[in-house]
N, C-alpha and C. Protein backbone atom coordinates (compact mmCIF):
# COMPACT_ATOMS: atom_id res chain seq x y z
N MET A 1 98.32 82.16 70.20
CA MET A 1 97.30 83.11 69.83
C MET A 1 97.66 84.47 70.41
N GLU A 2 97.57 85.50 69.60
CA GLU A 2 97.92 86.86 70.01
C GLU A 2 96.72 87.53 70.67
N THR A 3 96.96 88.17 71.81
CA THR A 3 95.90 88.90 72.51
C THR A 3 96.05 90.38 72.22
N THR A 4 94.96 91.03 71.85
CA THR A 4 95.00 92.46 71.60
C THR A 4 94.05 93.15 72.57
N THR A 5 94.44 94.32 72.98
CA THR A 5 93.61 95.13 73.86
C THR A 5 92.99 96.23 73.02
N ALA A 6 91.70 96.42 73.19
CA ALA A 6 91.01 97.47 72.44
C ALA A 6 91.54 98.84 72.86
N THR A 7 91.72 99.72 71.89
CA THR A 7 92.16 101.07 72.17
C THR A 7 90.93 101.92 72.48
N LYS A 8 90.97 102.62 73.60
CA LYS A 8 89.87 103.50 73.98
C LYS A 8 90.01 104.82 73.24
N THR A 9 88.90 105.47 73.05
CA THR A 9 88.94 106.82 72.47
C THR A 9 88.53 107.81 73.56
N ILE A 10 89.05 109.01 73.47
CA ILE A 10 88.68 110.07 74.39
C ILE A 10 87.45 110.78 73.84
N THR A 11 86.78 111.53 74.67
CA THR A 11 85.53 112.20 74.30
C THR A 11 85.67 113.10 73.08
N LEU A 12 86.79 113.78 72.97
CA LEU A 12 86.96 114.76 71.89
C LEU A 12 87.64 114.20 70.64
N THR A 13 87.72 112.88 70.52
CA THR A 13 88.38 112.25 69.37
C THR A 13 87.83 112.78 68.05
N HIS A 14 86.51 112.85 67.92
CA HIS A 14 85.91 113.29 66.66
C HIS A 14 86.32 114.72 66.30
N ILE A 15 86.51 115.57 67.30
CA ILE A 15 86.93 116.94 67.04
C ILE A 15 88.40 116.97 66.61
N HIS A 16 89.24 116.20 67.32
CA HIS A 16 90.65 116.13 66.94
C HIS A 16 90.80 115.64 65.49
N GLU A 17 90.06 114.60 65.15
CA GLU A 17 90.13 114.05 63.79
C GLU A 17 89.64 115.06 62.76
N ALA A 18 88.54 115.77 63.07
CA ALA A 18 88.00 116.77 62.15
C ALA A 18 88.98 117.92 61.93
N LEU A 19 89.81 118.20 62.93
CA LEU A 19 90.80 119.28 62.83
C LEU A 19 92.12 118.80 62.23
N GLY A 20 92.17 117.51 61.86
CA GLY A 20 93.34 116.98 61.18
C GLY A 20 94.46 116.48 62.07
N ALA A 21 94.17 116.15 63.30
CA ALA A 21 95.21 115.67 64.21
C ALA A 21 95.73 114.31 63.78
N LYS A 22 97.02 114.11 63.98
CA LYS A 22 97.61 112.79 63.81
C LYS A 22 97.32 112.04 65.11
N MET A 23 96.59 110.94 65.01
CA MET A 23 96.16 110.17 66.18
C MET A 23 97.06 108.95 66.34
N VAL A 24 97.51 108.71 67.56
CA VAL A 24 98.38 107.57 67.84
C VAL A 24 97.94 106.88 69.12
N PRO A 25 98.20 105.59 69.24
CA PRO A 25 97.88 104.90 70.50
C PRO A 25 98.87 105.30 71.60
N PHE A 26 98.34 105.55 72.80
CA PHE A 26 99.16 105.88 73.96
C PHE A 26 98.43 105.43 75.21
N ALA A 27 99.07 104.58 76.00
CA ALA A 27 98.53 104.09 77.28
C ALA A 27 97.13 103.51 77.12
N GLY A 28 96.87 102.86 76.00
CA GLY A 28 95.57 102.23 75.77
C GLY A 28 94.52 103.15 75.17
N PHE A 29 94.90 104.39 74.86
CA PHE A 29 93.97 105.37 74.29
C PHE A 29 94.48 105.83 72.93
N LEU A 30 93.55 106.22 72.07
CA LEU A 30 93.90 106.86 70.81
C LEU A 30 93.97 108.36 71.09
N MET A 31 95.17 108.93 70.95
CA MET A 31 95.41 110.31 71.37
C MET A 31 95.94 111.15 70.22
N PRO A 32 95.60 112.46 70.20
CA PRO A 32 96.18 113.35 69.20
C PRO A 32 97.62 113.68 69.59
N VAL A 33 98.54 113.55 68.64
CA VAL A 33 99.94 113.83 68.95
C VAL A 33 100.42 115.13 68.31
N GLN A 34 99.87 115.45 67.16
CA GLN A 34 100.21 116.73 66.54
C GLN A 34 99.21 117.06 65.44
N TYR A 35 99.21 118.35 65.08
CA TYR A 35 98.32 118.84 64.03
C TYR A 35 99.10 119.33 62.82
N THR A 36 99.94 120.33 63.02
CA THR A 36 100.62 120.97 61.89
C THR A 36 102.12 120.72 61.86
N GLY A 37 102.65 120.11 62.90
CA GLY A 37 104.08 119.84 62.97
C GLY A 37 104.69 120.38 64.25
N VAL A 38 105.76 119.75 64.68
CA VAL A 38 106.38 120.08 65.96
C VAL A 38 106.85 121.54 66.01
N ASN A 39 107.55 121.99 65.00
CA ASN A 39 108.08 123.36 65.01
C ASN A 39 106.97 124.40 65.05
N ASP A 40 105.99 124.24 64.18
CA ASP A 40 104.87 125.17 64.12
C ASP A 40 104.12 125.21 65.45
N GLU A 41 103.86 124.06 66.02
CA GLU A 41 103.12 124.00 67.27
C GLU A 41 103.94 124.56 68.43
N HIS A 42 105.23 124.31 68.43
CA HIS A 42 106.11 124.88 69.46
C HIS A 42 106.05 126.41 69.41
N LEU A 43 106.18 126.97 68.22
CA LEU A 43 106.15 128.43 68.08
C LEU A 43 104.79 129.00 68.48
N THR A 44 103.72 128.31 68.16
CA THR A 44 102.39 128.77 68.55
C THR A 44 102.27 128.86 70.06
N VAL A 45 102.75 127.84 70.76
CA VAL A 45 102.70 127.84 72.22
C VAL A 45 103.57 128.96 72.79
N ARG A 46 104.73 129.19 72.21
CA ARG A 46 105.64 130.23 72.70
C ARG A 46 105.08 131.64 72.44
N LYS A 47 104.36 131.83 71.32
CA LYS A 47 103.89 133.16 70.95
C LYS A 47 102.45 133.43 71.38
N ALA A 48 101.66 132.39 71.56
CA ALA A 48 100.23 132.58 71.86
C ALA A 48 99.84 131.63 73.00
N VAL A 49 99.15 130.55 72.66
CA VAL A 49 98.71 129.60 73.68
C VAL A 49 98.54 128.22 73.04
N GLY A 50 98.72 127.20 73.83
CA GLY A 50 98.51 125.84 73.37
C GLY A 50 97.55 125.11 74.30
N VAL A 51 96.86 124.14 73.74
CA VAL A 51 95.94 123.32 74.52
C VAL A 51 96.32 121.87 74.29
N PHE A 52 96.44 121.13 75.38
CA PHE A 52 96.80 119.72 75.30
C PHE A 52 95.68 118.90 75.93
N ASP A 53 95.18 117.93 75.20
CA ASP A 53 94.10 117.07 75.69
C ASP A 53 94.71 115.95 76.52
N VAL A 54 94.43 115.93 77.81
CA VAL A 54 94.92 114.88 78.71
C VAL A 54 93.75 114.07 79.26
N SER A 55 92.74 113.89 78.44
CA SER A 55 91.53 113.18 78.85
C SER A 55 91.77 111.70 79.12
N HIS A 56 92.93 111.20 78.75
CA HIS A 56 93.26 109.80 79.02
C HIS A 56 93.63 109.57 80.48
N MET A 57 93.92 110.63 81.22
CA MET A 57 94.31 110.49 82.62
C MET A 57 93.15 109.93 83.43
N GLY A 58 93.47 109.32 84.56
CA GLY A 58 92.44 108.79 85.45
C GLY A 58 92.06 109.80 86.50
N GLU A 59 90.80 109.82 86.89
CA GLU A 59 90.31 110.73 87.91
C GLU A 59 89.47 109.98 88.93
N PHE A 60 89.79 110.20 90.20
CA PHE A 60 89.03 109.61 91.30
C PHE A 60 88.51 110.73 92.19
N ILE A 61 87.27 110.60 92.63
CA ILE A 61 86.73 111.51 93.64
C ILE A 61 86.86 110.82 94.99
N VAL A 62 87.33 111.57 95.98
CA VAL A 62 87.40 111.07 97.36
C VAL A 62 86.58 112.04 98.21
N ARG A 63 85.55 111.51 98.87
CA ARG A 63 84.61 112.36 99.64
C ARG A 63 84.42 111.82 101.04
N GLY A 64 83.85 112.70 101.86
CA GLY A 64 83.44 112.31 103.20
C GLY A 64 84.40 112.79 104.27
N PRO A 65 83.97 112.69 105.52
CA PRO A 65 84.80 113.15 106.64
C PRO A 65 86.17 112.46 106.70
N GLY A 66 86.28 111.24 106.18
CA GLY A 66 87.55 110.52 106.19
C GLY A 66 88.40 110.73 104.95
N ALA A 67 87.96 111.61 104.04
CA ALA A 67 88.67 111.81 102.77
C ALA A 67 90.10 112.30 103.00
N LEU A 68 90.27 113.33 103.79
CA LEU A 68 91.61 113.86 104.02
C LEU A 68 92.49 112.83 104.73
N ASP A 69 91.93 112.10 105.69
CA ASP A 69 92.70 111.07 106.38
C ASP A 69 93.22 110.01 105.41
N LEU A 70 92.38 109.60 104.46
CA LEU A 70 92.81 108.62 103.47
C LEU A 70 93.92 109.20 102.59
N ILE A 71 93.73 110.42 102.12
CA ILE A 71 94.74 111.04 101.27
C ILE A 71 96.06 111.20 102.04
N GLN A 72 95.97 111.57 103.31
CA GLN A 72 97.18 111.70 104.13
C GLN A 72 97.89 110.35 104.27
N LYS A 73 97.11 109.27 104.33
CA LYS A 73 97.70 107.95 104.51
C LYS A 73 98.39 107.45 103.23
N VAL A 74 97.78 107.71 102.08
CA VAL A 74 98.30 107.10 100.84
C VAL A 74 99.23 107.99 100.03
N THR A 75 99.34 109.28 100.36
CA THR A 75 100.23 110.15 99.60
C THR A 75 101.41 110.61 100.45
N SER A 76 102.44 111.13 99.80
CA SER A 76 103.67 111.50 100.51
C SER A 76 103.69 112.95 101.01
N ASN A 77 102.85 113.83 100.48
CA ASN A 77 102.84 115.22 100.91
C ASN A 77 101.75 115.47 101.95
N ASP A 78 101.81 116.63 102.58
CA ASP A 78 100.83 117.00 103.60
C ASP A 78 99.66 117.71 102.92
N ALA A 79 98.63 116.94 102.61
CA ALA A 79 97.46 117.49 101.91
C ALA A 79 96.63 118.40 102.81
N SER A 80 96.86 118.39 104.12
CA SER A 80 96.11 119.29 105.01
C SER A 80 96.49 120.75 104.76
N LYS A 81 97.62 120.99 104.14
CA LYS A 81 98.05 122.35 103.81
C LYS A 81 97.50 122.84 102.48
N LEU A 82 96.78 121.97 101.78
CA LEU A 82 96.25 122.28 100.46
C LEU A 82 95.00 123.15 100.59
N GLU A 83 95.06 124.37 100.09
CA GLU A 83 93.92 125.27 100.15
C GLU A 83 92.84 124.85 99.16
N VAL A 84 91.61 125.23 99.44
CA VAL A 84 90.48 124.92 98.56
C VAL A 84 90.75 125.52 97.18
N GLY A 85 90.55 124.71 96.15
CA GLY A 85 90.76 125.15 94.78
C GLY A 85 92.19 125.00 94.29
N LYS A 86 93.07 124.53 95.15
CA LYS A 86 94.48 124.37 94.78
C LYS A 86 94.81 122.91 94.54
N VAL A 87 95.98 122.68 93.94
CA VAL A 87 96.41 121.34 93.57
C VAL A 87 97.80 121.08 94.15
N GLN A 88 98.07 119.83 94.42
CA GLN A 88 99.35 119.41 94.96
C GLN A 88 99.87 118.21 94.16
N TYR A 89 101.11 118.31 93.72
CA TYR A 89 101.77 117.17 93.06
C TYR A 89 102.36 116.31 94.16
N THR A 90 102.11 114.99 94.09
CA THR A 90 102.56 114.08 95.13
C THR A 90 102.76 112.69 94.56
N CYS A 91 102.96 111.72 95.42
CA CYS A 91 103.08 110.34 94.97
C CYS A 91 102.41 109.40 95.95
N LEU A 92 102.17 108.19 95.47
CA LEU A 92 101.65 107.10 96.30
C LEU A 92 102.85 106.22 96.65
N PRO A 93 103.42 106.38 97.86
CA PRO A 93 104.55 105.52 98.22
C PRO A 93 104.09 104.11 98.56
N ASN A 94 104.96 103.13 98.31
CA ASN A 94 104.62 101.77 98.71
C ASN A 94 105.26 101.45 100.05
N ALA A 95 105.07 100.25 100.54
CA ALA A 95 105.52 99.88 101.88
C ALA A 95 107.04 99.80 102.01
N THR A 96 107.77 99.74 100.90
CA THR A 96 109.23 99.61 100.96
C THR A 96 109.96 100.90 100.56
N GLY A 97 109.23 102.00 100.48
CA GLY A 97 109.85 103.27 100.14
C GLY A 97 109.89 103.58 98.66
N GLY A 98 109.37 102.68 97.85
CA GLY A 98 109.26 102.94 96.41
C GLY A 98 108.00 103.72 96.11
N ILE A 99 107.72 103.89 94.84
CA ILE A 99 106.56 104.68 94.43
C ILE A 99 105.62 103.83 93.59
N VAL A 100 104.36 103.81 93.98
CA VAL A 100 103.31 103.14 93.21
C VAL A 100 103.04 103.98 91.95
N ASP A 101 102.90 105.30 92.13
CA ASP A 101 102.64 106.21 91.02
C ASP A 101 102.74 107.64 91.53
N ASP A 102 102.86 108.59 90.60
CA ASP A 102 102.73 110.00 90.97
C ASP A 102 101.34 110.46 90.57
N LEU A 103 100.86 111.53 91.19
CA LEU A 103 99.50 111.98 90.95
C LEU A 103 99.34 113.42 91.37
N LEU A 104 98.18 113.98 91.04
CA LEU A 104 97.79 115.31 91.49
C LEU A 104 96.61 115.17 92.44
N VAL A 105 96.60 115.97 93.50
CA VAL A 105 95.49 116.00 94.45
C VAL A 105 94.90 117.41 94.41
N TYR A 106 93.63 117.52 94.06
CA TYR A 106 92.92 118.80 94.04
C TYR A 106 91.99 118.86 95.25
N ASN A 107 92.04 119.96 96.00
CA ASN A 107 91.11 120.17 97.11
C ASN A 107 89.91 120.92 96.55
N MET A 108 88.79 120.25 96.46
CA MET A 108 87.58 120.84 95.89
C MET A 108 86.48 121.00 96.93
N GLN A 109 86.87 121.09 98.19
CA GLN A 109 85.91 121.15 99.30
C GLN A 109 84.96 122.33 99.14
N ARG A 110 83.70 122.06 99.43
CA ARG A 110 82.67 123.10 99.44
C ARG A 110 81.89 122.94 100.74
N GLY A 111 82.04 123.89 101.64
CA GLY A 111 81.34 123.80 102.92
C GLY A 111 81.73 122.54 103.66
N ASP A 112 80.73 121.74 104.01
CA ASP A 112 80.98 120.49 104.73
C ASP A 112 81.27 119.32 103.79
N ASP A 113 81.27 119.57 102.49
CA ASP A 113 81.56 118.52 101.51
C ASP A 113 83.07 118.37 101.36
N HIS A 114 83.65 117.43 102.10
CA HIS A 114 85.08 117.14 102.02
C HIS A 114 85.31 116.39 100.72
N HIS A 115 85.81 117.08 99.72
CA HIS A 115 85.77 116.61 98.34
C HIS A 115 87.14 116.84 97.69
N TYR A 116 87.77 115.77 97.27
CA TYR A 116 89.07 115.85 96.60
C TYR A 116 88.97 115.13 95.27
N VAL A 117 89.75 115.58 94.30
CA VAL A 117 89.86 114.88 93.02
C VAL A 117 91.32 114.49 92.87
N LEU A 118 91.56 113.21 92.61
CA LEU A 118 92.90 112.71 92.36
C LEU A 118 93.04 112.45 90.87
N VAL A 119 94.12 112.93 90.27
CA VAL A 119 94.38 112.69 88.85
C VAL A 119 95.61 111.81 88.76
N VAL A 120 95.42 110.61 88.18
CA VAL A 120 96.48 109.60 88.11
C VAL A 120 96.83 109.31 86.65
N ASN A 121 97.95 108.67 86.46
CA ASN A 121 98.41 108.33 85.11
C ASN A 121 97.52 107.29 84.44
N ALA A 122 97.31 107.48 83.16
CA ALA A 122 96.40 106.63 82.39
C ALA A 122 96.76 105.15 82.47
N GLY A 123 98.04 104.85 82.38
CA GLY A 123 98.46 103.46 82.39
C GLY A 123 98.36 102.78 83.74
N ASN A 124 98.06 103.56 84.79
CA ASN A 124 98.02 103.01 86.15
C ASN A 124 96.67 103.19 86.83
N ILE A 125 95.64 103.50 86.07
CA ILE A 125 94.33 103.78 86.68
C ILE A 125 93.89 102.63 87.60
N GLN A 126 93.86 101.42 87.09
CA GLN A 126 93.37 100.30 87.90
C GLN A 126 94.30 100.01 89.08
N LYS A 127 95.60 100.06 88.84
CA LYS A 127 96.58 99.79 89.91
C LYS A 127 96.43 100.83 91.03
N ASP A 128 96.31 102.09 90.67
CA ASP A 128 96.18 103.16 91.67
C ASP A 128 94.84 103.05 92.40
N TRP A 129 93.79 102.76 91.67
CA TRP A 129 92.46 102.58 92.27
C TRP A 129 92.51 101.47 93.31
N ASP A 130 93.10 100.35 92.95
CA ASP A 130 93.19 99.21 93.87
C ASP A 130 94.03 99.57 95.10
N TRP A 131 95.15 100.27 94.90
CA TRP A 131 96.04 100.64 96.01
C TRP A 131 95.32 101.56 97.01
N ILE A 132 94.65 102.58 96.48
CA ILE A 132 93.94 103.53 97.36
C ILE A 132 92.81 102.83 98.09
N ASN A 133 92.04 102.02 97.39
CA ASN A 133 90.94 101.31 98.03
C ASN A 133 91.43 100.34 99.11
N ALA A 134 92.55 99.71 98.88
CA ALA A 134 93.10 98.75 99.85
C ALA A 134 93.49 99.44 101.15
N HIS A 135 93.74 100.75 101.11
CA HIS A 135 94.15 101.49 102.30
C HIS A 135 93.04 102.37 102.88
N ASN A 136 91.83 102.22 102.36
CA ASN A 136 90.71 103.04 102.82
C ASN A 136 90.10 102.45 104.09
N THR A 137 90.72 102.76 105.21
CA THR A 137 90.19 102.34 106.52
C THR A 137 89.45 103.48 107.19
N PHE A 138 89.16 104.53 106.43
CA PHE A 138 88.55 105.75 106.96
C PHE A 138 87.12 105.96 106.49
N ASP A 139 86.57 104.98 105.81
CA ASP A 139 85.21 105.06 105.29
C ASP A 139 85.02 106.24 104.34
N ALA A 140 86.08 106.62 103.64
CA ALA A 140 85.96 107.66 102.62
C ALA A 140 85.21 107.06 101.43
N GLN A 141 84.41 107.88 100.79
CA GLN A 141 83.68 107.42 99.61
C GLN A 141 84.53 107.68 98.38
N LEU A 142 84.76 106.63 97.60
CA LEU A 142 85.60 106.72 96.41
C LEU A 142 84.77 106.47 95.17
N GLU A 143 85.03 107.26 94.14
CA GLU A 143 84.35 107.07 92.85
C GLU A 143 85.37 107.26 91.74
N ASN A 144 85.44 106.28 90.86
CA ASN A 144 86.32 106.37 89.69
C ASN A 144 85.51 107.01 88.56
N ILE A 145 85.85 108.26 88.24
CA ILE A 145 85.12 108.98 87.19
C ILE A 145 85.94 109.11 85.91
N SER A 146 86.94 108.26 85.77
CA SER A 146 87.88 108.35 84.65
C SER A 146 87.18 108.31 83.29
N ASP A 147 86.16 107.50 83.13
CA ASP A 147 85.48 107.38 81.84
C ASP A 147 84.44 108.47 81.61
N LYS A 148 84.24 109.33 82.61
CA LYS A 148 83.23 110.40 82.51
C LYS A 148 83.87 111.78 82.43
N MET A 149 85.18 111.85 82.40
CA MET A 149 85.88 113.11 82.55
C MET A 149 86.75 113.42 81.35
N SER A 150 86.82 114.67 80.98
CA SER A 150 87.75 115.16 79.97
C SER A 150 88.59 116.25 80.61
N LEU A 151 89.87 116.29 80.27
CA LEU A 151 90.78 117.29 80.82
C LEU A 151 91.54 117.97 79.69
N LEU A 152 91.56 119.29 79.73
CA LEU A 152 92.35 120.06 78.78
C LEU A 152 93.33 120.91 79.58
N VAL A 153 94.58 120.93 79.15
CA VAL A 153 95.61 121.73 79.80
C VAL A 153 95.96 122.88 78.88
N VAL A 154 95.94 124.08 79.41
CA VAL A 154 96.28 125.28 78.64
C VAL A 154 97.69 125.67 78.98
C-alpha cells in the first residue's frame, strides 16, 4: 500500500494562483515556482525588484531570561553579539561535529522581553524543533509559529 503525505498550502496560495503562478510541490508545501518565465523574471529582479514567498520555512520563538543561553548552546555562532533587529546566519551542530541544520537567528528583544525568532528549513521543522527542545535546560519558552507565519523576501 502506498502512503501519501498531504501537501500543505501557504497562506498566499490563492493570490499566487490568481496571478498565474506555476505551483509545484516543495518540502511538503505547494509553492509558486514561476509566473512569466525564468528569463523574464531574472531581468525583472535585475532591473527593478523581485519578491520570493518563503512562507514554507519554519519559525520558532524563543523567549525568556534563558533564551540567549539556549541559543548559545544549540547554535555555532556567538548570538550575544547580535544587535536588536539584526539577523545571524548559523547552524545547529550535532554532538559529533556535523550539522543538524542551518538557520537564521533574529534578535527581536524589546526592553526586558528576551525574544528571538529562529527561521529553519521547511523540510526540517520537526527535527529542528525536537533538537532545540531536547537541549532546553535554561527554561526558555519555545513556541512553534510555523503555521501562523508568512515570509516574503525582497
